[in-house]
Amino acid sequence: MEISASDRDLIAVMRRYFAAQAELESLKAQLEAARQAAGKAIGVFYDPRQNAEHAAELQRSHRLREEMASLMQRAEAWGRAASGAEEHDRSAAEAEPEEWGSFENQADALFGA
């Protein structure tokens, strides 16, 4: 079975999605451990304006979430396009027998079979 360029693109998108997800989970665990060690309230610790020490990591977590959302939108668009193409192929396949039947009826009428 050969993989199309479109399928390879989807695979690359999903690999990046899962890599970003793993990175985000690791970052969240590190941040939560730091928050608990510092004894800070959630609202204060996770606000980059109030937590300069971890602001870069907090912003990184936001960028990862945005990247994951963007990647998922790309994958969903690919899925919609693929299902649209499958629906078109299925419609064409279902239309074939009727077209052939009509052709056969015309041929029978024309040639007196």
C-alpha atoms as a PDB file:
ATOM      1  CA  MET A   1       0.000   0.000   0.000  1.00  0.00           C
ATOM      2  CA  GLU A   2       1.388   3.349  -1.029  1.00  0.00           C
ATOM      3  CA  ILE A   3       0.995   6.399   1.192  1.00  0.00           C
ATOM      4  CA  SER A   4       0.010   9.598  -0.581  1.00  0.00           C
ATOM      5  CA  ALA A   5       1.728  12.936   0.002  1.00  0.00           C
ATOM      6  CA  SER A   6      -1.428  14.139   1.729  1.00  0.00           C
ATOM      7  CA  ASP A   7      -1.356  11.179   4.105  1.00  0.00           C
ATOM      8  CA  ARG A   8       2.328  11.798   4.841  1.00  0.00           C
ATOM      9  CA  ASP A   9       1.485  15.423   5.649  1.00  0.00           C
ATOM     10  CA  LEU A  10      -1.229  14.290   8.037  1.00  0.00           C
ATOM     11  CA  ILE A  11       1.164  11.862   9.706  1.00  0.00           C
ATOM     12  CA  ALA A  12       3.717  14.662  10.157  1.00  0.00           C
ATOM     13  CA  VAL A  13       1.044  16.950  11.620  1.00  0.00           C
ATOM     14  CA  MET A  14      -0.128  14.295  14.058  1.00  0.00           C
ATOM     15  CA  ARG A  15       3.429  13.425  15.088  1.00  0.00           C
ATOM     16  CA  ARG A  16       4.063  17.079  15.894  1.00  0.00           C
ATOM     17  CA  TYR A  17       0.727  17.255  17.728  1.00  0.00           C
ATOM     18  CA  PHE A  18       1.622  14.319  19.974  1.00  0.00           C
ATOM     19  CA  ALA A  19       5.160  15.634  20.530  1.00  0.00           C
ATOM     20  CA  ALA A  20       3.723  19.012  21.577  1.00  0.00           C
ATOM     21  CA  GLN A  21       1.199  17.245  23.802  1.00  0.00           C
ATOM     22  CA  ALA A  22       3.949  15.262  25.542  1.00  0.00           C
ATOM     23  CA  GLU A  23       6.047  18.394  25.961  1.00  0.00           C
ATOM     24  CA  LEU A  24       3.075  20.266  27.398  1.00  0.00           C
ATOM     25  CA  GLU A  25       2.274  17.475  29.861  1.00  0.00           C
ATOM     26  CA  SER A  26       5.868  17.433  31.052  1.00  0.00           C
ATOM     27  CA  LEU A  27       5.927  21.220  31.364  1.00  0.00           C
ATOM     28  CA  LYS A  28       2.638  21.209  33.279  1.00  0.00           C
ATOM     29  CA  ALA A  29       3.991  18.636  35.729  1.00  0.00           C
ATOM     30  CA  GLN A  30       7.151  20.690  36.278  1.00  0.00           C
ATOM     31  CA  LEU A  31       5.173  23.898  36.784  1.00  0.00           C
ATOM     32  CA  GLU A  32       2.738  22.275  39.186  1.00  0.00           C
ATOM     33  CA  ALA A  33       5.599  20.810  41.217  1.00  0.00           C
ATOM     34  CA  ALA A  34       7.214  24.264  41.364  1.00  0.00           C
ATOM     35  CA  ARG A  35       3.900  25.844  42.382  1.00  0.00           C
ATOM     36  CA  GLN A  36       3.388  23.384  45.189  1.00  0.00           C
ATOM     37  CA  ALA A  37       6.982  23.768  46.370  1.00  0.00           C
ATOM     38  CA  ALA A  38       6.547  27.548  46.423  1.00  0.00           C
ATOM     39  CA  GLY A  39       3.198  27.251  48.182  1.00  0.00           C
ATOM     40  CA  LYS A  40       1.628  29.801  45.841  1.00  0.00           C
ATOM     41  CA  ALA A  41      -2.026  30.043  44.873  1.00  0.00           C
ATOM     42  CA  ILE A  42      -2.916  28.756  41.399  1.00  0.00           C
ATOM     43  CA  GLY A  43      -4.119  32.158  40.149  1.00  0.00           C
ATOM     44  CA  VAL A  44      -0.930  33.890  41.229  1.00  0.00           C
ATOM     45  CA  PHE A  45       1.550  31.209  40.146  1.00  0.00           C
ATOM     46  CA  TYR A  46       0.085  30.667  36.670  1.00  0.00           C
ATOM     47  CA  ASP A  47      -0.106  34.384  35.842  1.00  0.00           C
ATOM     48  CA  PRO A  48       3.112  35.250  33.955  1.00  0.00           C
ATOM     49  CA  ARG A  49       2.764  38.895  35.023  1.00  0.00           C
ATOM     50  CA  GLN A  50       2.884  37.882  38.675  1.00  0.00           C
ATOM     51  CA  ASN A  51       5.415  35.063  38.360  1.00  0.00           C
ATOM     52  CA  ALA A  52       8.474  36.409  36.573  1.00  0.00           C
ATOM     53  CA  GLU A  53      10.549  33.396  37.646  1.00  0.00           C
ATOM     54  CA  HIS A  54       8.412  30.979  35.580  1.00  0.00           C
ATOM     55  CA  ALA A  55       7.014  33.419  33.011  1.00  0.00           C
ATOM     56  CA  ALA A  56       8.937  31.863  30.104  1.00  0.00           C
ATOM     57  CA  GLU A  57       7.651  28.370  30.922  1.00  0.00           C
ATOM     58  CA  LEU A  58       4.100  29.663  31.348  1.00  0.00           C
ATOM     59  CA  GLN A  59       4.233  31.415  27.986  1.00  0.00           C
ATOM     60  CA  ARG A  60       5.709  28.268  26.435  1.00  0.00           C
ATOM     61  CA  SER A  61       2.752  26.260  27.732  1.00  0.00           C
ATOM     62  CA  HIS A  62       0.348  28.743  26.120  1.00  0.00           C
ATOM     63  CA  ARG A  63       2.226  28.544  22.807  1.00  0.00           C
ATOM     64  CA  LEU A  64       2.118  24.743  22.931  1.00  0.00           C
ATOM     65  CA  ARG A  65      -1.650  24.793  23.486  1.00  0.00           C
ATOM     66  CA  GLU A  66      -2.082  27.178  20.556  1.00  0.00           C
ATOM     67  CA  GLU A  67       0.148  25.014  18.363  1.00  0.00           C
ATOM     68  CA  MET A  68      -1.818  21.903  19.302  1.00  0.00           C
ATOM     69  CA  ALA A  69      -5.101  23.647  18.454  1.00  0.00           C
ATOM     70  CA  SER A  70      -3.706  24.741  15.086  1.00  0.00           C
ATOM     71  CA  LEU A  71      -2.389  21.262  14.309  1.00  0.00           C
ATOM     72  CA  MET A  72      -5.722  19.690  15.230  1.00  0.00           C
ATOM     73  CA  GLN A  73      -7.535  22.145  12.945  1.00  0.00           C
ATOM     74  CA  ARG A  74      -5.250  21.093  10.101  1.00  0.00           C
ATOM     75  CA  ALA A  75      -5.930  17.417  10.822  1.00  0.00           C
ATOM     76  CA  GLU A  76      -9.680  18.052  10.995  1.00  0.00           C
ATOM     77  CA  ALA A  77      -9.565  19.913   7.670  1.00  0.00           C
ATOM     78  CA  TRP A  78      -7.711  16.971   6.146  1.00  0.00           C
ATOM     79  CA  GLY A  79     -10.340  14.618   7.559  1.00  0.00           C
ATOM     80  CA  ARG A  80     -13.180  16.692   6.151  1.00  0.00           C
ATOM     81  CA  ALA A  81     -11.495  16.797   2.743  1.00  0.00           C
ATOM     82  CA  ALA A  82     -10.863  13.042   2.828  1.00  0.00           C
ATOM     83  CA  SER A  83     -14.436  12.225   3.836  1.00  0.00           C
ATOM     84  CA  GLY A  84     -15.713  14.592   1.144  1.00  0.00           C
ATOM     85  CA  ALA A  85     -13.599  12.775  -1.438  1.00  0.00           C
ATOM     86  CA  GLU A  86     -14.838   9.398  -0.167  1.00  0.00           C
ATOM     87  CA  GLU A  87     -18.439  10.610  -0.381  1.00  0.00           C
ATOM     88  CA  HIS A  88     -17.818  11.795  -3.946  1.00  0.00           C
ATOM     89  CA  ASP A  89     -16.220   8.437  -4.860  1.00  0.00           C
ATOM     90  CA  ARG A  90     -19.098   6.528  -3.241  1.00  0.00           C
ATOM     91  CA  SER A  91     -21.664   8.651  -5.105  1.00  0.00           C
ATOM     92  CA  ALA A  92     -19.860   8.052  -8.380  1.00  0.00           C
ATOM     93  CA  ALA A  93     -19.692   4.302  -7.728  1.00  0.00           C
ATOM     94  CA  GLU A  94     -23.383   4.177  -6.899  1.00  0.00           C
ATOM     95  CA  ALA A  95     -24.226   6.153 -10.043  1.00  0.00           C
ATOM     96  CA  GLU A  96     -22.338   3.798 -12.355  1.00  0.00           C
ATOM     97  CA  PRO A  97     -24.823   0.911 -12.383  1.00  0.00           C
ATOM     98  CA  GLU A  98     -27.703   3.243 -13.243  1.00  0.00           C
ATOM     99  CA  GLU A  99     -25.723   4.794 -16.082  1.00  0.00           C
ATOM    100  CA  TRP A 100     -24.792   1.353 -17.401  1.00  0.00           C
ATOM    101  CA  GLY A 101     -28.354   0.156 -17.043  1.00  0.00           C
ATOM    102  CA  SER A 102     -29.601   3.151 -18.987  1.00  0.00           C
ATOM    103  CA  PHE A 103     -26.968   2.569 -21.668  1.00  0.00           C
ATOM    104  CA  GLU A 104     -27.914  -1.105 -21.935  1.00  0.00           C
ATOM    105  CA  ASN A 105     -31.609  -0.236 -22.259  1.00  0.00           C
ATOM    106  CA  GLN A 106     -30.832   2.277 -25.017  1.00  0.00           C
ATOM    107  CA  ALA A 107     -28.631  -0.253 -26.814  1.00  0.00           C
ATOM    108  CA  ASP A 108     -31.334  -2.928 -26.560  1.00  0.00           C
ATOM    109  CA  ALA A 109     -33.927  -0.502 -27.958  1.00  0.00           C
ATOM    110  CA  LEU A 110     -31.623   0.637 -30.746  1.00  0.00           C
ATOM    111  CA  PHE A 111     -30.450  -2.806 -31.840  1.00  0.00           C
ATOM    112  CA  GLY A 112     -33.685  -4.650 -31.107  1.00  0.00           C
ATOM    113  CA  ALA A 113     -32.338  -7.087 -28.587  1.00  0.00           C
END
